């Protein structure tokens, strides 16, 4: 159904040849992720055509997925986040991104958050759906999770009650009081202008989630709790945020080790270390 195949719709499959394939591939987007999203199902169709004796050539072997290195987290420091939040021109926009910064929800999860999933008494929200390509589906991992909200996130929801709770299902609405239909709308209307005004080095709005994760680590939160909030496995959390985990102890673990080694060395030499040397 992709528009990338519009030029081929009138061509008979058994007439599709190597030259046609190369022309098609050359016209696909250069972005690796987009290219793979389009080319992968096409490769499966071509393989079926070859094995079913409809195509004469194994054209599917000519489609090679492009490497798509995942960008590393580039979070905001806490003072940068606070400064950025002060640059949003409306309370609606500022609250939307303040919740993103201090809840850790994915943009696709936040945009479809409904009041029926919010429990302000316990300070928790149930995250069980996301808006992807205009359709409400399950979360990225396919699993629902219960998120314990920070005081900052709870304060946002308290303010949202007067704006949206009586309007309908959705917690977050646009400036006209209507549900947001894509993550592009707040990005273009709110995020980009505020980033420009702030003077802070530009990052994509997805960094709000990374900001929450790294703020948790700097606050001394255990990685297991932070991973559960974000909907990660602990293994994935360690893999993505290992750099910040290493720096979060501010040298405390290193000092513990030095103290232990100093004590052990002193004991072996019979010097006074606060404990009697072994006899």
Protein backbone atom coordinates (compact mmCIF):
# COMPACT_ATOMS: atom_id res chain seq x y z
CA UNK A 1 0.00 0.00 0.00
CA UNK A 2 3.01 2.33 0.30
CA UNK A 3 3.09 5.22 -2.16
CA UNK A 4 6.69 4.21 -2.92
CA UNK A 5 5.27 1.44 -5.14
CA UNK A 6 2.81 3.61 -7.08
CA UNK A 7 4.91 3.49 -10.25
CA UNK A 8 4.79 -0.33 -10.27
CA UNK A 9 1.08 -0.90 -9.81
CA UNK A 10 0.39 -1.43 -13.51
CA UNK A 11 3.42 -3.64 -14.11
CA UNK A 12 2.94 -7.40 -14.29
CA UNK A 13 4.93 -9.31 -11.68
CA UNK A 14 6.49 -11.72 -14.15
CA UNK A 15 7.87 -8.74 -16.08
CA UNK A 16 9.56 -7.23 -13.02
CA UNK A 17 13.31 -7.49 -13.57
CA UNK A 18 16.65 -6.49 -12.05
CA UNK A 19 16.66 -3.07 -13.69
CA UNK A 20 13.20 -2.30 -12.30
CA UNK A 21 14.33 -3.27 -8.82
CA UNK A 22 17.41 -1.06 -8.92
CA UNK A 23 15.34 1.88 -10.13
CA UNK A 24 12.88 1.36 -7.29
CA UNK A 25 15.57 1.04 -4.63
CA UNK A 26 17.33 4.14 -5.89
CA UNK A 27 14.16 6.18 -5.39
CA UNK A 28 13.56 5.06 -1.80
CA UNK A 29 14.36 7.43 1.08
CA UNK A 30 18.01 7.55 2.18
CA UNK A 31 17.13 7.29 5.85
CA UNK A 32 18.07 3.75 6.91
CA UNK A 33 15.05 3.13 9.11
CA UNK A 34 12.56 4.34 6.47
CA UNK A 35 14.37 2.41 3.74
CA UNK A 36 14.24 -0.81 5.77
CA UNK A 37 10.58 -0.31 6.68
CA UNK A 38 9.69 -0.13 2.98
CA UNK A 39 12.20 -2.58 1.53
CA UNK A 40 11.81 -5.42 4.06
CA UNK A 41 8.21 -6.40 3.24
CA UNK A 42 8.99 -5.93 -0.46
CA UNK A 43 11.89 -8.37 -0.11
CA UNK A 44 9.52 -10.95 1.41
CA UNK A 45 7.08 -10.47 -1.49
CA UNK A 46 9.87 -10.95 -4.02
CA UNK A 47 11.09 -14.08 -2.26
CA UNK A 48 7.59 -15.53 -2.37
CA UNK A 49 7.36 -14.66 -6.07
CA UNK A 50 10.64 -16.44 -6.80
CA UNK A 51 9.85 -19.56 -4.80
CA UNK A 52 6.36 -19.72 -6.33
CA UNK A 53 8.00 -19.68 -9.82
CA UNK A 54 6.38 -16.36 -10.71
CA UNK A 55 9.70 -14.47 -10.86
CA UNK A 56 12.59 -15.87 -12.84
CA UNK A 57 15.32 -14.24 -10.74
CA UNK A 58 16.02 -14.29 -7.00
CA UNK A 59 15.63 -10.52 -6.83
CA UNK A 60 15.06 -10.60 -3.08
CA UNK A 61 18.77 -11.38 -2.64
CA UNK A 62 19.57 -7.96 -4.09
CA UNK A 63 17.82 -6.09 -1.26
CA UNK A 64 20.21 -5.50 1.62
CA UNK A 65 19.02 -3.82 4.79
CA UNK A 66 20.85 -0.64 5.69
CA UNK A 67 22.56 -0.23 9.03
CA UNK A 68 20.55 1.98 11.32
CA UNK A 69 22.71 2.91 14.32
CA UNK A 70 20.50 3.83 17.24
CA UNK A 71 21.20 7.37 18.48
CA UNK A 72 22.64 7.56 21.96
CA UNK A 73 20.76 9.38 24.73
CA UNK A 74 21.46 13.10 24.84
CA UNK A 75 19.52 14.21 27.92
CA UNK A 76 19.10 17.67 29.36
CA UNK A 77 20.71 18.58 32.64
CA UNK A 78 18.16 19.52 35.28
CA UNK A 79 18.95 23.25 35.08
CA UNK A 80 18.67 23.12 31.27
CA UNK A 81 15.29 21.41 31.56
CA UNK A 82 14.00 24.05 33.97
CA UNK A 83 15.25 26.86 31.75
CA UNK A 84 13.64 25.30 28.67
CA UNK A 85 10.29 24.88 30.45
CA UNK A 86 10.28 28.59 31.24
CA UNK A 87 10.34 29.41 27.51
CA UNK A 88 7.06 27.80 26.47
CA UNK A 89 4.56 30.49 25.52
CA UNK A 90 1.47 28.86 27.03
CA UNK A 91 0.63 26.91 30.16
CA UNK A 92 -0.83 24.15 27.98
CA UNK A 93 2.47 23.65 26.17
CA UNK A 94 4.63 23.97 29.28
CA UNK A 95 2.55 21.45 31.24
CA UNK A 96 2.64 18.96 28.38
CA UNK A 97 6.43 18.94 28.34
CA UNK A 98 6.84 19.25 32.09
CA UNK A 99 4.89 16.01 32.40
CA UNK A 100 7.10 14.45 29.73
CA UNK A 101 10.26 15.51 31.58
CA UNK A 102 9.17 14.21 34.97
CA UNK A 103 7.13 11.10 34.14
CA UNK A 104 9.32 9.29 31.60
CA UNK A 105 6.44 8.35 29.28
CA UNK A 106 7.13 7.93 25.60
CA UNK A 107 5.60 10.70 23.43
CA UNK A 108 3.33 8.10 21.81
CA UNK A 109 2.13 7.00 25.26
CA UNK A 110 1.59 10.48 26.67
CA UNK A 111 -0.43 11.73 23.72
CA UNK A 112 -3.04 9.02 24.21
CA UNK A 113 -3.11 8.99 28.03
CA UNK A 114 -6.71 8.94 29.26
CA UNK A 115 -8.26 9.95 32.57
CA UNK A 116 -9.58 6.43 33.06
CA UNK A 117 -5.93 5.35 33.47
CA UNK A 118 -5.11 8.04 36.05
CA UNK A 119 -5.32 7.48 39.81
CA UNK A 120 -4.36 10.74 41.50
CA UNK A 121 -5.10 9.36 44.95
CA UNK A 122 -2.32 6.78 44.65
CA UNK A 123 -0.23 8.97 42.34
CA UNK A 124 -0.08 6.38 39.58
CA UNK A 125 -1.06 6.02 35.93
CA UNK A 126 -1.60 2.87 33.91
CA UNK A 127 0.30 2.99 30.63
CA UNK A 128 -1.18 0.39 28.30
CA UNK A 129 -1.53 2.08 24.92
CA UNK A 130 0.24 4.33 22.44
CA UNK A 131 -0.66 6.32 19.33
CA UNK A 132 1.36 5.00 16.39
CA UNK A 133 0.79 6.24 12.83
CA UNK A 134 -2.63 7.55 13.75
CA UNK A 135 -3.79 4.33 15.40
CA UNK A 136 -4.09 3.53 19.10
CA UNK A 137 -2.21 0.31 19.80
CA UNK A 138 -0.41 -1.35 22.67
CA UNK A 139 2.83 0.05 24.05
CA UNK A 140 6.11 -0.33 22.19
CA UNK A 141 7.00 -3.38 24.28
CA UNK A 142 3.47 -4.79 24.12
CA UNK A 143 3.23 -4.80 27.92
CA UNK A 144 1.22 -2.51 30.20
CA UNK A 145 2.97 -0.92 33.17
CA UNK A 146 2.01 1.09 36.20
CA UNK A 147 3.99 4.31 36.56
CA UNK A 148 4.52 5.95 39.94
CA UNK A 149 4.33 9.68 39.35
CA UNK A 150 6.75 12.28 40.70
CA UNK A 151 5.33 15.28 42.54
CA UNK A 152 6.03 17.42 39.46
CA UNK A 153 4.01 15.09 37.23
CA UNK A 154 1.15 14.94 39.73
CA UNK A 155 1.04 18.75 39.89
CA UNK A 156 0.67 18.85 36.09
CA UNK A 157 -2.26 16.42 36.21
CA UNK A 158 -3.95 18.49 38.91
CA UNK A 159 -3.77 21.52 36.62
CA UNK A 160 -4.97 19.45 33.67
CA UNK A 161 -8.16 18.47 35.50
CA UNK A 162 -9.70 21.91 34.92
CA UNK A 163 -8.62 21.88 31.27
CA UNK A 164 -9.52 18.42 30.07
CA UNK A 165 -11.18 16.10 32.58
CA UNK A 166 -14.66 17.38 31.78
CA UNK A 167 -13.87 17.69 28.06
CA UNK A 168 -13.58 13.98 27.37
CA UNK A 169 -11.23 11.05 27.71
CA UNK A 170 -7.81 12.51 26.93
CA UNK A 171 -5.61 14.09 29.56
CA UNK A 172 -3.64 16.29 27.16
CA UNK A 173 -5.31 18.51 24.56
CA UNK A 174 -4.13 21.12 22.08
CA UNK A 175 -4.61 24.87 22.43
CA UNK A 176 -8.15 24.56 21.00
CA UNK A 177 -9.14 21.95 23.56
CA UNK A 178 -9.09 19.04 21.10
CA UNK A 179 -7.22 15.73 21.38
CA UNK A 180 -3.76 15.71 19.85
CA UNK A 181 -3.69 13.55 16.73
CA UNK A 182 0.08 13.06 16.36
CA UNK A 183 3.32 13.73 18.18
CA UNK A 184 4.34 16.08 15.35
CA UNK A 185 1.83 18.74 16.41
CA UNK A 186 3.29 19.53 19.87
CA UNK A 187 6.78 19.12 18.44
CA UNK A 188 6.26 21.77 15.74
CA UNK A 189 3.95 24.13 17.62
CA UNK A 190 5.48 24.02 21.10
CA UNK A 191 8.83 22.28 21.32
CA UNK A 192 10.79 23.83 18.45
CA UNK A 193 9.86 27.47 19.24
CA UNK A 194 10.71 26.99 22.93
CA UNK A 195 14.05 25.37 22.08
CA UNK A 196 14.91 28.31 19.85
CA UNK A 197 14.02 30.85 22.54
CA UNK A 198 15.93 28.98 25.24
CA UNK A 199 19.32 29.13 23.57
CA UNK A 200 19.94 25.59 24.84
CA UNK A 201 21.63 23.23 22.38
CA UNK A 202 18.88 21.65 20.28
CA UNK A 203 17.70 18.14 21.04
CA UNK A 204 14.67 16.21 19.85
CA UNK A 205 11.69 16.05 22.21
CA UNK A 206 12.32 12.34 22.73
CA UNK A 207 15.17 13.39 25.00
CA UNK A 208 12.59 14.25 27.67
CA UNK A 209 12.38 10.52 28.41
CA UNK A 210 16.16 10.20 28.59
CA UNK A 211 16.22 13.24 30.84
CA UNK A 212 13.87 11.55 33.29
CA UNK A 213 16.03 8.43 33.32
CA UNK A 214 19.28 10.26 33.97
CA UNK A 215 17.73 12.56 36.59
CA UNK A 216 16.60 9.41 38.42
CA UNK A 217 20.17 8.13 38.42
CA UNK A 218 21.65 11.44 39.57
CA UNK A 219 19.12 11.43 42.43
CA UNK A 220 20.38 8.04 43.57
CA UNK A 221 17.35 6.06 42.42
CA UNK A 222 18.04 2.37 41.88
CA UNK A 223 18.30 1.37 38.21
CA UNK A 224 15.70 -1.37 38.72
CA UNK A 225 13.02 1.14 39.82
CA UNK A 226 13.86 3.56 37.00
CA UNK A 227 13.77 0.74 34.44
CA UNK A 228 10.32 -0.32 35.66
CA UNK A 229 9.05 3.26 35.32
CA UNK A 230 10.29 3.48 31.74
CA UNK A 231 9.06 0.05 30.72
CA UNK A 232 12.59 -1.28 30.12
CA UNK A 233 14.09 -4.52 31.25
CA UNK A 234 16.89 -3.96 33.75
CA UNK A 235 19.34 -5.36 31.19
CA UNK A 236 18.28 -2.83 28.56
CA UNK A 237 18.35 0.01 31.08
CA UNK A 238 21.94 -0.83 32.00
CA UNK A 239 22.89 -1.06 28.34
CA UNK A 240 21.35 2.31 27.39
CA UNK A 241 22.29 4.29 30.49
CA UNK A 242 25.53 2.62 31.62
CA UNK A 243 27.45 5.85 31.21
CA UNK A 244 25.19 7.70 33.64
CA UNK A 245 24.98 4.77 36.04
CA UNK A 246 28.77 4.81 36.29
CA UNK A 247 28.78 8.51 37.10
CA UNK A 248 25.78 8.62 39.41
CA UNK A 249 27.62 7.48 42.53
CA UNK A 250 29.86 10.59 42.38
CA UNK A 251 32.86 8.50 43.43
CA UNK A 252 31.17 6.92 46.47
CA UNK A 253 31.83 3.34 45.35
CA UNK A 254 35.43 4.16 44.56
CA UNK A 255 35.89 5.65 48.05
CA UNK A 256 34.37 2.54 49.66
CA UNK A 257 36.84 0.35 47.79
CA UNK A 258 39.80 2.55 48.74
CA UNK A 259 38.71 2.52 52.39
CA UNK A 260 38.46 -1.27 52.35
CA UNK A 261 41.84 -1.68 50.67
CA UNK A 262 43.49 0.74 53.08
CA UNK A 263 42.04 -1.15 56.02
CA UNK A 264 43.06 -4.51 54.66
CA UNK A 265 46.61 -3.35 53.89
CA UNK A 266 46.99 -1.79 57.31
CA UNK A 267 45.78 -4.96 59.00
CA UNK A 268 48.28 -7.09 57.12
CA UNK A 269 51.11 -4.77 58.18
CA UNK A 270 49.93 -4.72 61.80
CA UNK A 271 49.26 -0.97 61.77
CA UNK A 272 46.37 0.70 63.54
CA UNK A 273 43.32 0.91 61.27
CA UNK A 274 40.49 1.03 63.73
CA UNK A 275 40.35 -2.76 64.04
CA UNK A 276 42.76 -5.27 65.50
CA UNK A 277 44.89 -7.12 62.96
CA UNK A 278 44.11 -10.81 62.56
CA UNK A 279 46.02 -13.09 64.97
